[in-house]
């Protein structure tokens, strides 16, 4: 018998069959820190169940298939009738069913709802990020609809349902649950939604219904076009206004919702992003007052911005986990890669970035829960979010691209081939920085908050001040932020520099207060103390890098 030439050795086993929640100390500790004690045991059990599902080989295969077989647009049926439907691989529906069933579209109806939902979103997004888009929009539509109590009473139970009921064969009133999408941007405006030209004409006459309009126009980006209902912006007689557009009308007929094409995107391949047209007969219901479209939709924007932060934190965590897992099983030059000093520096540096992002996302979620209440703390957290959310959105979402690229490099050629999850993570990594406003939009939003809401700066500084005196590098960086805020000349051109520093100081404050000393010390030395290079793997000497890497290692 001839000798074998294909014996496989020195390869890492697949990272499957582990608890994505319990194997992440930063996540598990953060949830325990913020959740009410009486809910802690239930929260841990619920998230661990989802974590085991997320870490299963079955779910990982769903994620692979949903991306390998992307959605397909069917504009007409075989007889020539216009149908405007998108077909998805069955694995997409399995991902959606589990996400909805886990309550990832229902944060508004239970104590600690935002915290638990954010933690669950973080866990399940590590399986596959594309389907997280409609999950996020469905969750975020609720606060916008609450501007109209009648609409909220009708739609909120459907959107927060834990039943995933797919298809356009029935009106939403006949379904067990509903999914929401949105259409804001247009070709000529992009982020400048006030430049929208879609026209909304009020319907009059008997049977028109209160607040009913018809829409005429084109939306350049409309995500998840097979959703049951959409929030869109259009120009009404009184100005830019928010509207609710169902795919199927109450009588069971299809609304005029023409899907012109699906976007051929860099990443996020499993999710159908589209261009749609409203033909002048498209029925819509006004949400809020005419001319108050931005004010109405802003709560939805805020909720999806938190999901951008959370989604990027989840992506970074999954990239780090893949890199640490691989290097713990692969040997070179007589040692496991994870034991090599330079590789350990790279892994520890990425782990710091990941933990800082996770800790910040959970703090924002806890602030959301608090802000929904009454009293001084609720008011303080509302003010804190006004400044902290765009700051976090700016910085955390930008860190995903370099981290995903570095993590892929840790796997070498094994990470560069499509059988690996790393290319999908790398392609996905720029998205959250674009969605709901790019970096410049976030930086300018921070400046607006500073100018218009002085209470937000007070709340932000109060949060940071809770760690005052605990680390001299954090104190010095905080002082530097004060100096930058005091110099208003040319502040717009250096807004990115200011917001980056604010984000790092906020993350440093949280880590000093809550993370192990090894983590906070390394973060402050590198990100705040300036002892750091321009690439990952440039942490200074004298730090507990082994402890940081060990904390990041998933226990399978």
Protein backbone atom coordinates (compact mmCIF):
# COMPACT_ATOMS: atom_id res chain seq x y z
CA UNK A 1 0.00 0.00 0.00
CA UNK A 2 1.57 3.32 -1.05
CA UNK A 3 2.19 5.93 1.65
CA UNK A 4 -0.39 8.66 2.02
CA UNK A 5 0.54 12.14 0.80
CA UNK A 6 -2.43 13.89 2.34
CA UNK A 7 -2.20 13.31 6.07
CA UNK A 8 -3.64 16.42 7.75
CA UNK A 9 -1.65 17.65 10.74
CA UNK A 10 -1.02 20.94 12.51
CA UNK A 11 -4.43 22.34 11.62
CA UNK A 12 -6.90 23.92 14.01
CA UNK A 13 -10.22 22.11 14.48
CA UNK A 14 -13.40 24.02 13.60
CA UNK A 15 -14.54 26.43 16.29
CA UNK A 16 -17.95 24.91 17.00
CA UNK A 17 -20.02 23.57 19.89
CA UNK A 18 -19.19 26.27 22.42
CA UNK A 19 -21.27 28.82 24.32
CA UNK A 20 -20.69 32.18 22.61
CA UNK A 21 -22.10 34.01 25.64
CA UNK A 22 -20.45 32.16 28.52
CA UNK A 23 -17.07 31.96 26.73
CA UNK A 24 -16.92 35.77 26.53
CA UNK A 25 -15.97 37.15 29.99
CA UNK A 26 -16.37 40.80 28.96
CA UNK A 27 -19.93 40.09 27.80
CA UNK A 28 -21.00 37.84 30.67
CA UNK A 29 -19.51 40.16 33.29
CA UNK A 30 -21.05 43.21 31.63
CA UNK A 31 -24.53 41.73 31.64
CA UNK A 32 -24.15 40.69 35.29
CA UNK A 33 -22.96 44.20 36.15
CA UNK A 34 -25.89 46.05 34.58
CA UNK A 35 -28.85 43.68 34.94
CA UNK A 36 -31.14 43.97 37.94
CA UNK A 37 -30.15 41.30 40.51
CA UNK A 38 -33.61 39.74 40.46
CA UNK A 39 -33.27 39.12 36.70
CA UNK A 40 -29.65 37.96 36.69
CA UNK A 41 -30.19 34.20 36.78
CA UNK A 42 -32.91 34.28 34.12
CA UNK A 43 -30.79 36.54 31.91
CA UNK A 44 -27.77 34.27 32.20
CA UNK A 45 -29.80 31.18 31.32
CA UNK A 46 -31.54 32.87 28.39
CA UNK A 47 -28.31 34.25 26.90
CA UNK A 48 -26.41 31.03 27.47
CA UNK A 49 -29.08 29.09 25.60
CA UNK A 50 -28.74 31.49 22.67
CA UNK A 51 -24.95 31.32 23.03
CA UNK A 52 -24.92 27.55 22.70
CA UNK A 53 -27.12 27.80 19.62
CA UNK A 54 -24.83 30.45 18.12
CA UNK A 55 -21.78 28.28 18.72
CA UNK A 56 -23.32 25.15 17.24
CA UNK A 57 -22.13 23.63 13.97
CA UNK A 58 -25.70 23.80 12.70
CA UNK A 59 -25.99 27.57 13.13
CA UNK A 60 -22.54 28.15 11.63
CA UNK A 61 -23.67 26.21 8.58
CA UNK A 62 -26.81 28.37 8.33
CA UNK A 63 -24.61 31.43 8.24
CA UNK A 64 -22.39 29.99 5.53
CA UNK A 65 -25.30 28.95 3.34
CA UNK A 66 -27.16 32.25 3.72
CA UNK A 67 -24.11 34.02 2.32
CA UNK A 68 -23.14 31.45 -0.30
CA UNK A 69 -26.66 31.51 -1.77
CA UNK A 70 -27.64 35.20 -1.69
CA UNK A 71 -31.18 36.51 -2.27
CA UNK A 72 -32.64 36.60 -5.77
CA UNK A 73 -35.11 39.19 -7.08
CA UNK A 74 -38.21 38.01 -8.96
CA UNK A 75 -39.92 41.03 -10.48
CA UNK A 76 -42.56 39.02 -12.41
CA UNK A 77 -44.17 35.62 -12.21
CA UNK A 78 -44.20 33.15 -15.11
CA UNK A 79 -47.33 34.74 -16.55
CA UNK A 80 -45.97 38.28 -16.61
CA UNK A 81 -47.65 39.59 -13.48
CA UNK A 82 -45.56 42.01 -11.43
CA UNK A 83 -44.82 40.41 -8.05
CA UNK A 84 -41.67 42.19 -6.72
CA UNK A 85 -40.55 39.36 -4.47
CA UNK A 86 -37.14 38.31 -3.17
CA UNK A 87 -36.29 34.66 -2.62
CA UNK A 88 -33.97 33.62 0.21
CA UNK A 89 -32.17 30.42 1.00
CA UNK A 90 -33.92 28.39 3.74
CA UNK A 91 -30.98 29.05 6.06
CA UNK A 92 -31.79 32.77 6.04
CA UNK A 93 -35.24 31.97 7.35
CA UNK A 94 -33.80 29.68 10.03
CA UNK A 95 -31.54 32.52 11.20
CA UNK A 96 -34.44 34.95 11.24
CA UNK A 97 -36.72 32.51 13.05
CA UNK A 98 -34.20 32.00 15.83
CA UNK A 99 -33.45 35.73 16.12
CA UNK A 100 -37.11 36.70 16.38
CA UNK A 101 -37.84 33.77 18.68
CA UNK A 102 -35.03 34.90 21.00
CA UNK A 103 -36.68 38.30 21.44
CA UNK A 104 -34.16 40.29 19.39
CA UNK A 105 -37.01 42.42 18.04
CA UNK A 106 -38.53 42.94 21.49
CA UNK A 107 -36.60 45.20 23.83
CA UNK A 108 -39.37 47.57 24.77
CA UNK A 109 -41.72 45.46 26.84
CA UNK A 110 -39.67 44.06 29.73
CA UNK A 111 -37.27 45.21 32.45
CA UNK A 112 -33.64 45.43 31.31
CA UNK A 113 -35.01 44.90 27.83
CA UNK A 114 -32.38 46.94 25.99
CA UNK A 115 -29.51 45.31 27.85
CA UNK A 116 -30.74 41.77 27.31
CA UNK A 117 -31.64 42.41 23.70
CA UNK A 118 -28.27 44.07 23.00
CA UNK A 119 -26.41 41.13 24.54
CA UNK A 120 -28.49 38.70 22.50
CA UNK A 121 -27.98 40.71 19.33
CA UNK A 122 -24.22 40.64 20.00
CA UNK A 123 -24.28 36.86 20.47
CA UNK A 124 -26.43 35.98 17.48
CA UNK A 125 -24.76 38.48 15.11
CA UNK A 126 -21.59 36.43 15.43
CA UNK A 127 -23.31 33.65 13.50
CA UNK A 128 -24.19 35.82 10.50
CA UNK A 129 -24.51 39.60 10.26
CA UNK A 130 -26.70 40.08 7.18
CA UNK A 131 -29.97 39.01 8.74
CA UNK A 132 -29.25 41.32 11.68
CA UNK A 133 -30.31 44.25 9.48
CA UNK A 134 -34.08 43.50 9.39
CA UNK A 135 -33.89 42.35 13.01
CA UNK A 136 -32.43 45.73 13.94
CA UNK A 137 -34.92 47.76 11.93
CA UNK A 138 -37.89 45.84 13.30
CA UNK A 139 -36.72 46.55 16.83
CA UNK A 140 -35.96 50.21 16.06
CA UNK A 141 -39.26 50.98 14.34
CA UNK A 142 -41.18 50.82 17.61
CA UNK A 143 -40.10 54.15 19.17
CA UNK A 144 -40.82 55.98 15.92
CA UNK A 145 -44.30 54.47 15.69
CA UNK A 146 -45.01 55.57 19.25
CA UNK A 147 -45.23 59.12 17.91
CA UNK A 148 -48.68 57.98 16.75
CA UNK A 149 -50.42 56.03 19.56
CA UNK A 150 -52.98 54.50 17.19
CA UNK A 151 -50.29 53.17 14.87
CA UNK A 152 -48.22 51.94 17.80
CA UNK A 153 -51.21 50.05 19.20
CA UNK A 154 -51.70 48.36 15.85
CA UNK A 155 -48.10 47.58 14.90
CA UNK A 156 -46.06 47.25 18.07
CA UNK A 157 -47.48 43.83 19.06
CA UNK A 158 -46.67 42.53 15.58
CA UNK A 159 -43.13 43.89 15.50
CA UNK A 160 -42.29 42.70 19.02
CA UNK A 161 -43.79 39.26 18.46
CA UNK A 162 -41.55 36.23 18.91
CA UNK A 163 -43.10 34.53 15.89
CA UNK A 164 -41.40 34.83 12.52
CA UNK A 165 -44.24 34.71 9.98
CA UNK A 166 -42.82 35.01 6.48
CA UNK A 167 -44.56 35.96 3.24
CA UNK A 168 -46.71 38.50 1.41
CA UNK A 169 -49.74 36.25 1.02
CA UNK A 170 -51.63 37.97 3.85
CA UNK A 171 -51.96 41.40 5.41
CA UNK A 172 -50.01 41.92 8.60
CA UNK A 173 -53.22 41.80 10.62
CA UNK A 174 -53.54 38.10 9.74
CA UNK A 175 -49.96 37.19 10.67
CA UNK A 176 -48.39 36.07 13.93
CA UNK A 177 -45.59 38.63 13.64
CA UNK A 178 -44.19 41.25 11.30
CA UNK A 179 -40.81 42.52 10.13
CA UNK A 180 -40.00 46.17 9.41
CA UNK A 181 -37.62 47.88 7.00
CA UNK A 182 -36.89 51.47 6.10
CA UNK A 183 -36.21 53.66 3.09
CA UNK A 184 -34.61 57.03 3.80
CA UNK A 185 -31.88 57.87 1.33
CA UNK A 186 -32.23 58.92 -2.28
CA UNK A 187 -29.72 59.26 -5.11
CA UNK A 188 -29.37 63.01 -4.97
CA UNK A 189 -29.12 63.36 -1.19
CA UNK A 190 -27.64 60.35 0.59
CA UNK A 191 -27.28 61.31 4.25
CA UNK A 192 -28.85 64.69 3.50
CA UNK A 193 -32.37 63.34 3.77
CA UNK A 194 -33.86 66.85 3.66
CA UNK A 195 -32.91 66.83 -0.03
CA UNK A 196 -35.37 63.97 -0.63
CA UNK A 197 -37.73 64.48 -3.57
CA UNK A 198 -40.23 61.65 -3.01
CA UNK A 199 -43.63 63.34 -2.97
CA UNK A 200 -46.47 62.57 -0.57
CA UNK A 201 -49.99 63.66 -1.56
CA UNK A 202 -52.78 63.57 1.04
CA UNK A 203 -55.75 61.38 0.18
CA UNK A 204 -59.14 62.99 0.58
CA UNK A 205 -62.67 61.77 0.31
CA UNK A 206 -64.72 59.08 1.91
CA UNK A 207 -62.83 55.93 2.80
CA UNK A 208 -59.40 57.50 2.47
CA UNK A 209 -58.57 56.98 6.14
CA UNK A 210 -56.99 59.36 8.60
CA UNK A 211 -53.47 60.37 7.69
CA UNK A 212 -53.52 58.50 4.35
CA UNK A 213 -51.30 59.62 1.46
CA UNK A 214 -49.98 58.39 -1.86
CA UNK A 215 -46.25 58.38 -2.61
CA UNK A 216 -44.35 59.06 -5.82
CA UNK A 217 -40.57 58.67 -5.88
CA UNK A 218 -37.47 56.49 -5.75
CA UNK A 219 -35.45 55.22 -2.80
CA UNK A 220 -31.78 54.55 -3.49
CA UNK A 221 -31.31 52.23 -0.50
CA UNK A 222 -34.16 50.21 0.95
CA UNK A 223 -33.03 47.31 3.10
CA UNK A 224 -34.95 44.08 3.54
CA UNK A 225 -37.60 44.77 0.85
CA UNK A 226 -39.59 41.66 1.77
CA UNK A 227 -40.48 43.16 5.14
CA UNK A 228 -44.14 43.63 6.03
CA UNK A 229 -43.89 47.37 6.62
CA UNK A 230 -41.47 50.23 6.05
CA UNK A 231 -40.77 53.62 7.50
CA UNK A 232 -39.91 56.11 4.76
CA UNK A 233 -39.37 59.83 4.43
CA UNK A 234 -41.17 61.93 1.82
CA UNK A 235 -42.02 65.56 1.12
CA UNK A 236 -45.60 66.30 2.19
CA UNK A 237 -47.23 69.74 1.73
CA UNK A 238 -45.98 70.67 5.20
CA UNK A 239 -42.39 69.48 4.61
CA UNK A 240 -40.35 66.33 5.14
CA UNK A 241 -42.54 63.77 6.87
CA UNK A 242 -42.32 60.19 8.09
CA UNK A 243 -44.67 57.57 6.62
CA UNK A 244 -45.56 53.95 7.22
CA UNK A 245 -45.76 51.90 4.01
CA UNK A 246 -47.13 48.32 4.22
CA UNK A 247 -46.24 45.78 1.54
CA UNK A 248 -49.74 44.26 1.72
CA UNK A 249 -52.77 46.49 2.26
CA UNK A 250 -55.45 45.67 4.84
CA UNK A 251 -57.73 44.20 2.16
CA UNK A 252 -55.03 41.71 1.14
CA UNK A 253 -53.95 43.39 -2.09
CA UNK A 254 -50.31 44.27 -2.77
CA UNK A 255 -49.24 47.86 -2.27
CA UNK A 256 -47.43 49.50 -5.20
CA UNK A 257 -43.85 48.78 -4.13
CA UNK A 258 -41.62 48.25 -7.15
CA UNK A 259 -38.26 46.63 -6.49
CA UNK A 260 -36.03 47.88 -9.30
CA UNK A 261 -32.91 45.92 -8.42
CA UNK A 262 -30.91 44.42 -5.57
CA UNK A 263 -27.62 46.05 -4.66
CA UNK A 264 -24.47 44.08 -5.48
CA UNK A 265 -22.64 44.80 -2.22
CA UNK A 266 -19.12 44.33 -0.91
CA UNK A 267 -20.39 42.34 2.08
CA UNK A 268 -23.68 41.77 3.88
CA UNK A 269 -24.44 39.48 0.97
CA UNK A 270 -27.23 37.51 2.59
CA UNK A 271 -29.32 40.64 3.14
CA UNK A 272 -31.35 42.03 0.25
CA UNK A 273 -30.68 45.76 -0.09
CA UNK A 274 -32.66 47.29 -2.91
CA UNK A 275 -33.78 50.26 -4.93
CA UNK A 276 -37.54 50.73 -4.86
CA UNK A 277 -40.03 52.98 -6.59
CA UNK A 278 -43.39 54.35 -5.49
CA UNK A 279 -45.58 54.96 -8.54
CA UNK A 280 -48.02 57.61 -7.31
CA UNK A 281 -50.56 55.05 -6.14
CA UNK A 282 -48.42 53.70 -3.28
CA UNK A 283 -50.50 53.95 -0.11
CA UNK A 284 -48.88 55.32 3.03
CA UNK A 285 -49.94 56.41 6.48
CA UNK A 286 -48.41 59.49 8.08
CA UNK A 287 -46.41 58.95 11.29
CA UNK A 288 -46.24 62.08 13.42
CA UNK A 289 -46.83 65.58 12.13
CA UNK A 290 -46.16 66.90 8.64
CA UNK A 291 -42.78 68.57 8.45
CA UNK A 292 -41.48 66.65 11.47
CA UNK A 293 -40.07 63.64 9.63
CA UNK A 294 -36.55 63.83 11.03
CA UNK A 295 -37.81 64.42 14.57
CA UNK A 296 -40.13 61.42 14.21
CA UNK A 297 -37.54 59.08 12.81
CA UNK A 298 -34.70 60.11 15.11
CA UNK A 299 -35.58 57.53 17.77
CA UNK A 300 -35.32 54.80 15.15
CA UNK A 301 -31.96 56.19 14.05
CA UNK A 302 -30.68 56.20 17.64
CA UNK A 303 -31.71 52.58 18.18
CA UNK A 304 -30.08 51.39 14.97
CA UNK A 305 -26.92 53.36 15.81
CA UNK A 306 -26.63 51.33 19.00
CA UNK A 307 -26.96 48.20 16.89
CA UNK A 308 -24.14 49.48 14.67
CA UNK A 309 -21.92 49.71 17.75
CA UNK A 310 -23.08 46.31 18.99
CA UNK A 311 -22.75 44.68 15.57
CA UNK A 312 -19.20 45.95 15.17
CA UNK A 313 -18.32 44.77 18.67
CA UNK A 314 -19.73 41.34 17.79
CA UNK A 315 -17.76 41.21 14.56
CA UNK A 316 -14.55 42.11 16.38
CA UNK A 317 -15.19 39.51 19.05
CA UNK A 318 -15.76 36.79 16.46
CA UNK A 319 -12.61 37.80 14.56
CA UNK A 320 -10.55 37.72 17.75
CA UNK A 321 -12.02 34.38 18.80
CA UNK A 322 -11.19 32.84 15.43
CA UNK A 323 -7.62 34.15 15.62
CA UNK A 324 -7.03 33.06 19.21
CA UNK A 325 -8.56 29.64 18.58
CA UNK A 326 -6.44 29.08 15.48
CA UNK A 327 -3.18 30.13 17.11
CA UNK A 328 -3.91 27.94 20.13
CA UNK A 329 -3.83 24.87 17.86
CA UNK A 330 -1.30 25.75 15.17
CA UNK A 331 2.46 25.32 15.73
CA UNK A 332 5.43 27.00 14.09
CA UNK A 333 9.13 26.98 14.93
CA UNK A 334 8.62 24.52 17.75
CA UNK A 335 5.87 26.36 19.63
CA UNK A 336 2.18 26.97 19.40
CA UNK A 337 1.57 30.29 17.68
CA UNK A 338 -0.25 31.60 20.74
CA UNK A 339 2.95 31.13 22.77
CA UNK A 340 5.13 33.11 20.36
CA UNK A 341 5.85 36.54 21.94
CA UNK A 342 5.09 38.62 18.85
CA UNK A 343 1.88 36.76 18.02
CA UNK A 344 0.82 37.08 21.66
CA UNK A 345 1.25 40.85 21.35
CA UNK A 346 -0.97 40.93 18.27
CA UNK A 347 -3.65 38.79 19.90
CA UNK A 348 -3.63 40.80 23.13
CA UNK A 349 -3.85 44.09 21.25
CA UNK A 350 -6.91 42.90 19.29
CA UNK A 351 -8.46 41.48 22.46
CA UNK A 352 -8.17 44.91 24.11
CA UNK A 353 -9.98 46.52 21.18
CA UNK A 354 -12.70 43.92 21.31
CA UNK A 355 -13.28 44.13 25.06
CA UNK A 356 -13.38 47.94 25.01
CA UNK A 357 -16.05 47.84 22.29
CA UNK A 358 -18.12 45.22 24.09
CA UNK A 359 -17.99 47.04 27.42
CA UNK A 360 -19.04 50.31 25.81
CA UNK A 361 -21.95 48.74 23.91
CA UNK A 362 -23.34 47.23 27.12
CA UNK A 363 -23.01 50.54 28.97
CA UNK A 364 -25.00 52.27 26.23
CA UNK A 365 -27.68 49.59 26.38
CA UNK A 366 -27.99 49.95 30.15
CA UNK A 367 -28.29 53.72 29.70
CA UNK A 368 -31.17 53.12 27.27
CA UNK A 369 -33.03 51.10 29.88
CA UNK A 370 -32.45 53.80 32.48
CA UNK A 371 -33.38 56.62 30.10
CA UNK A 372 -36.85 55.17 29.60
CA UNK A 373 -37.67 55.82 33.26
CA UNK A 374 -38.27 58.91 35.35
CA UNK A 375 -36.13 60.93 37.69
CA UNK A 376 -32.65 62.42 37.77
CA UNK A 377 -30.77 59.29 36.70
CA UNK A 378 -33.06 58.76 33.72
CA UNK A 379 -32.55 62.39 32.64
CA UNK A 380 -28.80 62.04 33.09
CA UNK A 381 -28.66 58.90 30.97
CA UNK A 382 -30.75 60.53 28.23
CA UNK A 383 -28.22 63.36 28.17
CA UNK A 384 -25.33 60.89 28.26
CA UNK A 385 -26.67 58.98 25.26
CA UNK A 386 -27.05 62.16 23.21
CA UNK A 387 -23.28 62.54 23.19
CA UNK A 388 -21.99 59.03 23.91
CA UNK A 389 -23.96 57.28 21.16
CA UNK A 390 -22.59 59.16 18.12
CA UNK A 391 -19.15 59.13 19.76
CA UNK A 392 -19.27 55.33 20.11
CA UNK A 393 -20.81 54.90 16.66
CA UNK A 394 -17.97 56.92 15.14
CA UNK A 395 -15.11 55.06 16.81
CA UNK A 396 -16.20 51.47 17.41
CA UNK A 397 -17.51 50.93 13.88
CA UNK A 398 -14.23 52.18 12.42
CA UNK A 399 -12.14 49.70 14.39
CA UNK A 400 -13.72 46.66 12.77
CA UNK A 401 -11.88 46.94 9.44
CA UNK A 402 -8.27 46.97 10.69
CA UNK A 403 -9.04 44.39 13.37
CA UNK A 404 -10.71 41.97 10.93
CA UNK A 405 -7.78 42.32 8.55
CA UNK A 406 -5.24 41.64 11.31
CA UNK A 407 -7.22 38.67 12.62
CA UNK A 408 -7.37 37.20 9.12
CA UNK A 409 -3.59 37.54 8.88
CA UNK A 410 -3.24 35.49 12.08
CA UNK A 411 -4.75 32.56 10.17
CA UNK A 412 -2.45 33.13 7.21
CA UNK A 413 -3.56 31.47 3.99
CA UNK A 414 -6.14 29.47 5.94
CA UNK A 415 -7.92 32.75 6.66
CA UNK A 416 -7.79 34.05 3.10
CA UNK A 417 -9.80 31.26 1.49
CA UNK A 418 -13.58 31.38 1.32
CA UNK A 419 -14.02 28.19 3.36
CA UNK A 420 -12.88 30.27 6.32
CA UNK A 421 -15.28 32.69 8.03
CA UNK A 422 -12.61 35.42 7.92
CA UNK A 423 -13.30 36.80 4.40
CA UNK A 424 -16.96 37.23 5.31
CA UNK A 425 -16.00 39.08 8.50
CA UNK A 426 -13.61 41.33 6.59
CA UNK A 427 -16.18 42.18 3.92
CA UNK A 428 -18.80 42.87 6.57
CA UNK A 429 -16.57 45.09 8.69
CA UNK A 430 -17.03 48.47 6.87
CA UNK A 431 -20.83 48.35 6.86
CA UNK A 432 -21.69 49.63 10.32
CA UNK A 433 -19.52 52.69 9.79
CA UNK A 434 -21.68 53.56 6.75
CA UNK A 435 -25.12 52.60 8.03
CA UNK A 436 -27.07 55.36 9.84
CA UNK A 437 -24.50 58.00 9.02
CA UNK A 438 -20.83 57.75 8.10
CA UNK A 439 -17.95 58.93 10.25
CA UNK A 440 -18.25 62.59 9.30
CA UNK A 441 -21.98 62.56 10.06
CA UNK A 442 -21.31 61.14 13.52
CA UNK A 443 -18.50 63.59 14.26
CA UNK A 444 -20.66 66.54 13.25
CA UNK A 445 -23.52 65.16 15.33
CA UNK A 446 -21.21 65.20 18.35
CA UNK A 447 -20.46 68.87 17.67
CA UNK A 448 -24.18 69.63 17.44
CA UNK A 449 -24.78 67.91 20.77
CA UNK A 450 -21.99 69.92 22.37
CA UNK A 451 -23.45 73.17 21.06
CA UNK A 452 -27.14 72.53 21.63
CA UNK A 453 -27.20 70.22 24.65
CA UNK A 454 -24.70 71.37 27.30
CA UNK A 455 -26.28 68.89 29.70
CA UNK A 456 -25.00 66.07 27.47
CA UNK A 457 -21.40 67.16 28.01
CA UNK A 458 -21.99 67.34 31.76
CA UNK A 459 -23.39 63.80 31.73
CA UNK A 460 -20.51 62.53 29.57
CA UNK A 461 -17.90 64.08 31.86
CA UNK A 462 -19.69 62.75 34.94
CA UNK A 463 -19.48 59.24 33.49
CA UNK A 464 -15.78 59.57 32.79
CA UNK A 465 -15.18 61.20 36.17
CA UNK A 466 -16.24 58.06 37.99
CA UNK A 467 -12.76 56.70 37.23
CA UNK A 468 -10.89 59.89 38.17
CA UNK A 469 -7.68 59.20 40.08
CA UNK A 470 -7.60 55.49 39.21
CA UNK A 471 -5.07 55.80 36.38
CA UNK A 472 -2.78 58.75 35.66
CA UNK A 473 -2.87 58.14 31.91
CA UNK A 474 -6.66 58.29 31.89
CA UNK A 475 -6.58 61.49 33.94
CA UNK A 476 -4.11 63.07 31.52
CA UNK A 477 -6.19 62.04 28.49
CA UNK A 478 -9.32 63.48 30.11
CA UNK A 479 -7.48 66.76 30.65
CA UNK A 480 -6.51 66.73 26.97
CA UNK A 481 -10.18 66.36 26.00
CA UNK A 482 -10.98 69.41 28.15
CA UNK A 483 -8.32 71.38 26.30
CA UNK A 484 -9.66 70.37 22.90
CA UNK A 485 -13.21 71.29 23.90
CA UNK A 486 -12.06 74.70 25.09
CA UNK A 487 -10.51 75.54 21.71
CA UNK A 488 -13.46 76.21 19.40
CA UNK A 489 -11.45 77.67 16.51
CA UNK A 490 -11.49 75.28 13.57
CA UNK A 491 -13.23 72.64 15.63
CA UNK A 492 -15.17 71.22 12.67
CA UNK A 493 -12.02 70.34 10.72
CA UNK A 494 -10.61 68.48 13.73
CA UNK A 495 -13.90 66.95 14.84
CA UNK A 496 -12.72 63.42 14.09
CA UNK A 497 -9.64 63.87 16.28
CA UNK A 498 -11.80 65.16 19.14
CA UNK A 499 -14.43 62.41 18.87
CA UNK A 500 -11.78 59.69 18.68
CA UNK A 501 -10.20 60.98 21.87
CA UNK A 502 -13.58 61.22 23.59
CA UNK A 503 -14.36 57.62 22.66
CA UNK A 504 -11.03 56.33 23.93
CA UNK A 505 -11.37 58.21 27.21
CA UNK A 506 -14.88 56.83 27.68
CA UNK A 507 -13.70 53.28 26.96
CA UNK A 508 -10.72 53.76 29.26
CA UNK A 509 -12.96 54.96 32.05
CA UNK A 510 -15.18 51.89 31.75
CA UNK A 511 -12.26 49.47 31.62
CA UNK A 512 -10.51 51.05 34.60
CA UNK A 513 -13.71 50.67 36.60
CA UNK A 514 -14.80 47.23 35.46
CA UNK A 515 -12.14 45.21 33.63
CA UNK A 516 -9.27 43.17 35.12
CA UNK A 517 -6.13 45.19 35.80
CA UNK A 518 -4.24 43.48 32.99
CA UNK A 519 -6.82 44.75 30.49
CA UNK A 520 -7.21 48.30 31.80
CA UNK A 521 -3.48 48.78 32.28
CA UNK A 522 -2.69 47.72 28.73
CA UNK A 523 -5.51 49.84 27.29
CA UNK A 524 -4.44 52.98 29.16
CA UNK A 525 -0.75 52.46 28.35
CA UNK A 526 -1.41 52.08 24.62
CA UNK A 527 -4.58 53.99 23.67
CA UNK A 528 -4.31 56.79 26.24
CA UNK A 529 -0.65 56.89 27.23
CA UNK A 530 0.63 56.93 23.66
CA UNK A 531 2.94 53.92 24.00
CA UNK A 532 1.52 52.24 20.93
CA UNK A 533 2.29 51.89 17.23
CA UNK A 534 0.10 52.36 14.18
CA UNK A 535 -0.69 48.63 13.76
CA UNK A 536 -2.00 45.93 16.08
CA UNK A 537 0.75 44.04 17.88
CA UNK A 538 2.66 47.11 19.09
CA UNK A 539 1.79 47.05 22.80
CA UNK A 540 4.61 48.12 25.12
CA UNK A 541 6.62 45.72 27.24
CA UNK A 542 5.87 45.01 30.88
CA UNK A 543 2.18 44.16 30.38
CA UNK A 544 0.36 40.92 31.21
CA UNK A 545 -0.19 39.91 27.61
CA UNK A 546 -0.63 36.22 28.44
CA UNK A 547 -3.45 37.07 30.85
CA UNK A 548 -5.21 39.19 28.25
CA UNK A 549 -4.98 36.48 25.60
CA UNK A 550 -6.12 33.78 27.99
CA UNK A 551 -9.19 35.89 28.84
CA UNK A 552 -10.04 36.11 25.12
CA UNK A 553 -9.68 32.37 24.47
CA UNK A 554 -13.06 30.64 23.93
CA UNK A 555 -13.64 27.59 26.07
CA UNK A 556 -15.09 24.90 23.80
